[in-house]
């Protein structure tokens, strides 16, 4: 709902530190252009939609579910992802 109301639904999206890629697969299955990136995990469910390091945008939005508590320095990771990877209006 958030994508439809506030973002460009036909844009590209990135799921960061995604694990096996289940969320990316689900979002792709319903029609969104989601991409997979995880430095430490193997892509099992969203093969072919990987991003390499450094991640290059632009992306409409970046999602990261239940990962911030695992980063050594969360602010560095956030800085790495913005603004270069996000679309600018």
N, C-alpha and C. Protein backbone atom coordinates (compact mmCIF):
# COMPACT_ATOMS: atom_id res chain seq x y z
N UNK A 1 0.83 -1.18 0.00
CA UNK A 1 0.00 0.00 0.00
C UNK A 1 0.88 1.26 0.00
N UNK A 2 1.96 1.24 0.80
CA UNK A 2 2.84 2.40 0.88
C UNK A 2 3.45 2.71 -0.49
N UNK A 3 3.89 1.69 -1.21
CA UNK A 3 4.48 1.90 -2.53
C UNK A 3 3.46 2.53 -3.46
N UNK A 4 2.25 2.02 -3.46
CA UNK A 4 1.22 2.53 -4.36
C UNK A 4 0.83 3.98 -4.04
N UNK A 5 0.81 4.34 -2.77
CA UNK A 5 0.37 5.67 -2.37
C UNK A 5 1.46 6.74 -2.42
N UNK A 6 2.69 6.37 -2.10
CA UNK A 6 3.72 7.39 -1.89
C UNK A 6 4.94 7.29 -2.80
N UNK A 7 5.09 6.21 -3.52
CA UNK A 7 6.27 6.01 -4.37
C UNK A 7 5.84 5.71 -5.80
N UNK A 8 6.80 5.59 -6.67
CA UNK A 8 6.54 5.22 -8.05
C UNK A 8 6.49 3.69 -8.13
N UNK A 9 5.34 3.09 -8.27
CA UNK A 9 5.23 1.63 -8.28
C UNK A 9 6.00 0.96 -9.41
N UNK A 10 6.30 1.68 -10.48
CA UNK A 10 7.04 1.09 -11.59
C UNK A 10 8.55 1.32 -11.46
N UNK A 11 8.99 1.91 -10.34
CA UNK A 11 10.41 2.13 -10.10
C UNK A 11 11.12 0.87 -9.63
N UNK A 12 12.44 1.00 -9.42
CA UNK A 12 13.25 -0.10 -8.89
C UNK A 12 13.39 0.05 -7.39
N UNK A 13 13.38 -1.09 -6.69
CA UNK A 13 13.48 -1.12 -5.23
C UNK A 13 14.61 -2.08 -4.84
N UNK A 14 15.18 -1.84 -3.67
CA UNK A 14 16.26 -2.69 -3.19
C UNK A 14 15.92 -3.19 -1.79
N UNK A 15 16.05 -4.49 -1.60
CA UNK A 15 15.97 -5.06 -0.25
C UNK A 15 17.40 -5.33 0.17
N UNK A 16 17.84 -4.68 1.25
CA UNK A 16 19.22 -4.71 1.70
C UNK A 16 19.37 -5.67 2.87
N UNK A 17 20.42 -6.50 2.82
CA UNK A 17 20.67 -7.51 3.86
C UNK A 17 19.46 -8.43 3.98
N UNK A 18 19.12 -9.05 2.88
CA UNK A 18 17.83 -9.73 2.72
C UNK A 18 17.77 -11.18 3.16
N UNK A 19 18.91 -11.76 3.44
CA UNK A 19 18.89 -13.19 3.70
C UNK A 19 18.71 -13.94 2.41
N UNK A 20 17.88 -14.94 2.40
CA UNK A 20 17.72 -15.79 1.22
C UNK A 20 16.92 -15.17 0.09
N UNK A 21 16.25 -14.04 0.33
CA UNK A 21 15.54 -13.34 -0.74
C UNK A 21 14.06 -13.62 -0.84
N UNK A 22 13.44 -14.13 0.20
CA UNK A 22 12.01 -14.45 0.14
C UNK A 22 11.16 -13.19 -0.09
N UNK A 23 11.47 -12.08 0.62
CA UNK A 23 10.69 -10.86 0.45
C UNK A 23 10.83 -10.33 -0.99
N UNK A 24 12.04 -10.37 -1.53
CA UNK A 24 12.26 -9.92 -2.91
C UNK A 24 11.43 -10.77 -3.86
N UNK A 25 11.45 -12.08 -3.67
CA UNK A 25 10.68 -12.98 -4.53
C UNK A 25 9.18 -12.65 -4.46
N UNK A 26 8.66 -12.45 -3.24
CA UNK A 26 7.25 -12.14 -3.08
C UNK A 26 6.88 -10.82 -3.75
N UNK A 27 7.72 -9.80 -3.57
CA UNK A 27 7.44 -8.49 -4.18
C UNK A 27 7.53 -8.56 -5.70
N UNK A 28 8.46 -9.32 -6.22
CA UNK A 28 8.56 -9.50 -7.67
C UNK A 28 7.35 -10.26 -8.20
N UNK A 29 6.89 -11.25 -7.44
CA UNK A 29 5.74 -12.04 -7.87
C UNK A 29 4.46 -11.20 -7.99
N UNK A 30 4.35 -10.12 -7.21
CA UNK A 30 3.16 -9.27 -7.33
C UNK A 30 3.40 -8.07 -8.24
N UNK A 31 4.59 -8.01 -8.87
CA UNK A 31 4.79 -7.03 -9.93
C UNK A 31 5.75 -5.89 -9.67
N UNK A 32 6.41 -5.84 -8.53
CA UNK A 32 7.36 -4.77 -8.25
C UNK A 32 8.77 -5.20 -8.64
N UNK A 33 9.56 -4.24 -9.11
CA UNK A 33 10.93 -4.50 -9.53
C UNK A 33 11.87 -4.40 -8.33
N UNK A 34 11.87 -5.44 -7.50
CA UNK A 34 12.73 -5.49 -6.32
C UNK A 34 14.03 -6.20 -6.66
N UNK A 35 15.11 -5.72 -6.07
CA UNK A 35 16.44 -6.30 -6.24
C UNK A 35 16.95 -6.82 -4.91
N UNK A 36 17.88 -7.76 -4.97
CA UNK A 36 18.41 -8.47 -3.81
C UNK A 36 19.84 -8.02 -3.54
N UNK A 37 20.18 -7.76 -2.26
CA UNK A 37 21.58 -7.54 -1.88
C UNK A 37 21.81 -8.03 -0.46
N UNK A 38 22.79 -8.90 -0.31
CA UNK A 38 23.21 -9.35 1.01
C UNK A 38 24.65 -9.82 0.90
N UNK A 39 25.54 -9.19 1.64
CA UNK A 39 26.96 -9.52 1.61
C UNK A 39 27.25 -10.90 2.18
N UNK A 40 26.41 -11.36 3.09
CA UNK A 40 26.74 -12.54 3.88
C UNK A 40 25.84 -13.75 3.66
N UNK A 41 24.92 -13.67 2.74
CA UNK A 41 23.97 -14.76 2.58
C UNK A 41 23.83 -15.12 1.10
N UNK A 42 23.50 -16.35 0.83
CA UNK A 42 23.31 -16.81 -0.53
C UNK A 42 21.87 -16.53 -0.99
N UNK A 43 21.75 -16.05 -2.21
CA UNK A 43 20.45 -15.77 -2.80
C UNK A 43 19.81 -17.08 -3.28
N UNK A 44 18.76 -17.49 -2.59
CA UNK A 44 18.08 -18.73 -2.96
C UNK A 44 16.78 -18.50 -3.70
N UNK A 45 16.06 -17.44 -3.36
CA UNK A 45 14.71 -17.25 -3.89
C UNK A 45 14.59 -16.18 -4.96
N UNK A 46 15.58 -15.32 -5.11
CA UNK A 46 15.48 -14.21 -6.08
C UNK A 46 16.68 -14.23 -7.03
N UNK A 47 17.10 -15.39 -7.44
CA UNK A 47 18.25 -15.50 -8.34
C UNK A 47 18.02 -14.72 -9.62
N UNK A 48 19.09 -14.06 -10.05
CA UNK A 48 19.00 -13.26 -11.27
C UNK A 48 18.65 -11.81 -11.01
N UNK A 49 18.32 -11.48 -9.78
CA UNK A 49 17.95 -10.10 -9.44
C UNK A 49 18.88 -9.55 -8.36
N UNK A 50 20.15 -9.98 -8.42
CA UNK A 50 21.15 -9.58 -7.44
C UNK A 50 21.75 -8.23 -7.79
N UNK A 51 22.13 -7.49 -6.78
CA UNK A 51 22.95 -6.29 -6.93
C UNK A 51 24.32 -6.62 -6.38
N UNK A 52 25.36 -6.04 -6.94
CA UNK A 52 26.71 -6.28 -6.46
C UNK A 52 27.20 -5.08 -5.66
N UNK A 53 28.25 -5.28 -4.89
CA UNK A 53 28.82 -4.22 -4.07
C UNK A 53 29.82 -3.43 -4.91
N UNK A 54 29.85 -2.10 -4.86
CA UNK A 54 28.90 -1.27 -4.14
C UNK A 54 27.56 -1.21 -4.86
N UNK A 55 26.51 -1.12 -4.10
CA UNK A 55 25.16 -1.06 -4.65
C UNK A 55 24.98 0.27 -5.36
N UNK A 56 24.47 0.22 -6.56
CA UNK A 56 24.26 1.44 -7.35
C UNK A 56 22.78 1.59 -7.69
N UNK A 57 22.26 2.77 -7.48
CA UNK A 57 20.87 3.05 -7.76
C UNK A 57 20.72 3.67 -9.12
N UNK A 58 19.69 4.44 -9.30
CA UNK A 58 18.77 4.85 -8.23
C UNK A 58 17.69 3.80 -7.94
N UNK A 59 17.19 3.85 -6.72
CA UNK A 59 16.07 3.03 -6.29
C UNK A 59 15.01 3.94 -5.70
N UNK A 60 13.78 3.57 -5.86
CA UNK A 60 12.68 4.33 -5.25
C UNK A 60 12.76 4.27 -3.74
N UNK A 61 13.10 3.09 -3.22
CA UNK A 61 13.20 2.90 -1.78
C UNK A 61 14.11 1.71 -1.50
N UNK A 62 14.67 1.70 -0.31
CA UNK A 62 15.48 0.59 0.16
C UNK A 62 14.81 0.03 1.41
N UNK A 63 14.59 -1.27 1.43
CA UNK A 63 14.03 -1.92 2.61
C UNK A 63 15.12 -2.72 3.30
N UNK A 64 15.00 -2.83 4.62
CA UNK A 64 15.95 -3.61 5.42
C UNK A 64 15.19 -4.06 6.67
N UNK A 65 14.74 -5.29 6.66
CA UNK A 65 13.92 -5.80 7.76
C UNK A 65 14.76 -6.54 8.78
N UNK A 66 14.66 -6.10 10.02
CA UNK A 66 15.31 -6.75 11.15
C UNK A 66 16.81 -6.96 10.94
N UNK A 67 17.48 -5.91 10.44
CA UNK A 67 18.92 -6.03 10.21
C UNK A 67 19.74 -4.96 10.93
N UNK A 68 19.15 -3.84 11.25
CA UNK A 68 19.92 -2.73 11.82
C UNK A 68 20.64 -3.11 13.11
N UNK A 69 20.05 -3.98 13.91
CA UNK A 69 20.67 -4.36 15.17
C UNK A 69 21.92 -5.22 14.96
N UNK A 70 22.15 -5.68 13.73
CA UNK A 70 23.32 -6.51 13.44
C UNK A 70 24.50 -5.72 12.88
N UNK A 71 24.27 -4.46 12.49
CA UNK A 71 25.35 -3.65 11.92
C UNK A 71 26.28 -3.15 13.01
N UNK A 72 27.58 -3.15 12.72
CA UNK A 72 28.57 -2.60 13.65
C UNK A 72 28.33 -1.11 13.82
N UNK A 73 28.13 -0.41 12.72
CA UNK A 73 27.83 1.02 12.75
C UNK A 73 26.66 1.30 11.81
N UNK A 74 25.43 1.29 12.33
CA UNK A 74 24.25 1.48 11.48
C UNK A 74 24.27 2.78 10.68
N UNK A 75 24.80 3.85 11.25
CA UNK A 75 24.82 5.13 10.54
C UNK A 75 25.72 5.06 9.31
N UNK A 76 26.82 4.34 9.38
CA UNK A 76 27.68 4.17 8.20
C UNK A 76 26.94 3.41 7.10
N UNK A 77 26.19 2.40 7.49
CA UNK A 77 25.44 1.63 6.51
C UNK A 77 24.35 2.48 5.87
N UNK A 78 23.67 3.27 6.65
CA UNK A 78 22.64 4.16 6.10
C UNK A 78 23.27 5.17 5.16
N UNK A 79 24.40 5.73 5.55
CA UNK A 79 25.10 6.70 4.69
C UNK A 79 25.54 6.05 3.38
N UNK A 80 25.92 4.80 3.45
CA UNK A 80 26.33 4.07 2.25
C UNK A 80 25.17 3.92 1.26
N UNK A 81 23.98 3.82 1.77
CA UNK A 81 22.80 3.62 0.93
C UNK A 81 22.14 4.90 0.45
N UNK A 82 22.46 6.03 1.03
CA UNK A 82 21.82 7.29 0.64
C UNK A 82 22.86 8.34 0.36
N UNK A 83 22.61 9.32 -0.44
CA UNK A 83 21.50 9.41 -1.39
C UNK A 83 21.79 8.74 -2.73
N UNK A 84 22.99 8.20 -2.91
CA UNK A 84 23.39 7.66 -4.21
C UNK A 84 22.48 6.55 -4.70
N UNK A 85 21.91 5.77 -3.80
CA UNK A 85 21.09 4.66 -4.25
C UNK A 85 19.61 5.01 -4.38
N UNK A 86 19.22 6.15 -3.82
CA UNK A 86 17.80 6.52 -3.88
C UNK A 86 17.53 7.52 -4.99
N UNK A 87 16.35 7.45 -5.55
CA UNK A 87 15.94 8.42 -6.56
C UNK A 87 15.85 9.80 -5.94
N UNK A 88 16.17 10.80 -6.70
CA UNK A 88 16.01 12.17 -6.22
C UNK A 88 14.95 12.83 -7.07
N UNK A 89 14.11 13.60 -6.43
CA UNK A 89 13.00 14.25 -7.15
C UNK A 89 13.27 15.71 -7.32
